[in-house]
Protein backbone atom coordinates (compact mmCIF):
# COMPACT_ATOMS: atom_id res chain seq x y z
CA MET A 1 171.22 89.38 102.60
CA LYS A 2 167.94 88.71 100.86
CA LEU A 3 164.91 91.05 101.22
CA LYS A 4 161.54 89.47 101.94
CA ARG A 5 158.86 89.93 99.37
CA GLY A 6 155.84 91.99 100.57
CA GLU A 7 152.66 90.15 101.41
CA GLY A 8 150.48 92.50 99.39
CA LEU A 9 147.64 94.79 100.31
CA ASN A 10 144.76 93.36 102.36
CA ILE A 11 141.57 94.84 100.90
CA VAL A 12 139.05 92.96 103.07
CA PRO A 13 138.67 95.86 105.60
CA PHE A 14 138.15 98.27 102.70
CA ILE A 15 135.37 96.07 101.30
CA ASP A 16 133.74 95.90 104.76
CA ILE A 17 133.71 99.69 105.01
CA MET A 18 132.24 100.04 101.52
CA LEU A 19 129.43 97.60 102.35
CA VAL A 20 128.57 99.53 105.52
CA LEU A 21 128.50 102.81 103.55
CA LEU A 22 126.28 101.18 100.93
CA ALA A 23 123.86 100.01 103.63
CA ILE A 24 123.72 103.54 105.09
CA VAL A 25 123.05 105.13 101.70
CA LEU A 26 120.29 102.63 100.92
CA SER A 27 118.57 103.14 104.27
CA LEU A 28 118.74 106.94 103.99
CA SER A 29 117.38 106.87 100.45
CA THR A 30 114.33 105.01 101.79
CA PHE A 31 113.55 107.88 104.17
CA ILE A 32 114.09 110.46 101.45
CA ALA A 33 111.80 108.60 99.02
CA GLN A 34 109.03 108.32 101.63
CA GLY A 35 109.39 111.92 102.77
CA HIS A 36 109.80 110.75 106.36
CA ILE A 37 112.35 112.44 108.60
CA PRO A 38 113.17 110.39 111.70
CA ILE A 39 112.84 112.72 114.68
CA GLN A 40 112.69 111.60 118.29
CA VAL A 41 110.97 114.43 120.14
CA PRO A 42 111.63 114.83 123.86
CA ASN A 43 109.09 113.62 126.42
CA SER A 44 106.91 115.92 128.53
CA LYS A 45 104.21 115.29 131.13
CA HIS A 46 102.21 118.28 129.89
CA SER A 47 101.97 117.55 126.15
CA GLN A 48 98.73 118.39 124.36
CA GLU A 49 97.39 117.55 120.94
CA PRO A 50 97.73 120.56 118.61
CA LYS A 51 94.54 122.18 117.29
CA LYS A 52 93.79 121.76 113.59
CA GLN A 53 94.60 125.00 111.79
CA LYS A 54 96.88 126.31 109.06
CA LYS A 55 100.45 125.75 110.14
CA LEU A 56 104.07 125.52 109.11
CA THR A 57 106.21 122.75 110.54
CA ILE A 58 109.87 123.48 111.22
CA SER A 59 111.95 120.43 112.08
CA THR A 60 115.55 119.75 112.99
CA ASP A 61 117.05 116.29 112.91
CA ARG A 62 119.87 115.00 115.10
CA LEU A 63 122.39 116.36 112.57
CA ASN A 64 120.83 119.86 112.92
CA GLN A 65 119.53 119.92 109.35
CA LEU A 66 116.53 122.26 109.05
CA TYR A 67 113.30 121.15 107.38
CA LEU A 68 110.22 123.17 106.48
CA ASP A 69 107.14 120.95 106.04
CA ASN A 70 109.47 117.92 105.57
CA LYS A 71 111.57 119.63 102.87
CA PRO A 72 115.22 120.45 103.62
CA VAL A 73 115.96 124.19 103.79
CA ASN A 74 118.85 126.34 104.91
CA TYR A 75 118.61 129.08 107.52
CA GLU A 76 118.25 131.90 104.96
CA GLU A 77 115.38 130.17 103.15
CA LEU A 78 113.64 129.58 106.47
CA LYS A 79 114.14 133.23 107.39
CA ASN A 80 112.50 134.36 104.11
CA VAL A 81 109.51 132.04 104.53
CA ILE A 82 108.89 133.18 108.11
CA ALA A 83 109.14 136.83 107.01
CA GLN A 84 106.36 136.20 104.47
CA THR A 85 104.19 134.18 106.87
CA SER A 86 101.27 135.81 108.65
CA SER A 87 101.65 136.13 112.41
CA LYS A 88 98.32 134.24 112.73
CA THR A 89 99.80 131.13 111.10
CA LEU A 90 100.76 128.52 113.65
CA ILE A 91 104.37 127.40 113.52
CA GLU A 92 105.01 123.93 114.90
CA PHE A 93 108.62 123.33 115.93
CA GLN A 94 109.90 119.75 116.12
CA SER A 95 113.44 119.13 117.25
CA ASP A 96 115.19 115.81 117.69
CA LYS A 97 116.19 115.33 121.31
CA GLU A 98 119.81 114.91 120.20
CA ALA A 99 119.88 118.12 118.15
CA LYS A 100 121.96 121.04 119.35
CA PHE A 101 120.18 123.48 121.63
CA GLU A 102 121.83 126.28 119.65
CA THR A 103 119.66 125.45 116.62
CA PHE A 104 116.54 125.68 118.79
CA VAL A 105 117.61 129.09 120.13
CA GLN A 106 118.38 130.39 116.61
CA ILE A 107 114.87 129.53 115.46
CA LEU A 108 113.29 131.11 118.54
CA ASN A 109 115.35 134.27 117.94
CA LEU A 110 114.23 134.30 114.31
CA LEU A 111 110.57 134.07 115.37
CA LYS A 112 111.03 136.90 117.89
CA GLU A 113 112.76 139.10 115.27
CA LYS A 114 109.74 138.68 113.00
CA ASN A 115 107.30 139.26 115.92
CA HIS A 116 105.84 135.81 115.38
CA GLU A 117 104.53 134.53 118.71
CA ASN A 118 102.07 131.90 117.47
CA PHE A 119 104.18 128.75 117.74
CA VAL A 120 104.21 125.44 119.57
CA ILE A 121 107.05 123.12 120.49
CA THR A 122 106.30 119.46 119.83
CA THR A 123 107.05 116.91 122.54
CA GLN A 124 105.92 113.37 123.20
CA LYS A 125 103.79 112.56 126.24
CA ASN A 126 105.31 110.07 128.71
């Protein structure tokens, strides 16, 4: 009885996956280089334009990564910055509509702990 020789390893699917990963990395590096974080804010019928004043912008993307003025931060860094921020400074909160609600609640709790009540939640008008 003769054993059949193996056909070999098909690497075409592996190459396809690597090309997709390369495309993802290149597209993400474009956003990082431009300093633009893609956030789709939820719609609201009662949205208003924010007044021009000194403010901090806290953002969360759909992967729940935190950003402070378009720079990635972790929760502890955000906590320290808010602790040092005057209660008169406006904090603008932008959250992607696909982000976890838990992240939103954590930030609201952080603002309440620091007695910071001067904040707005950014939405997009219908």
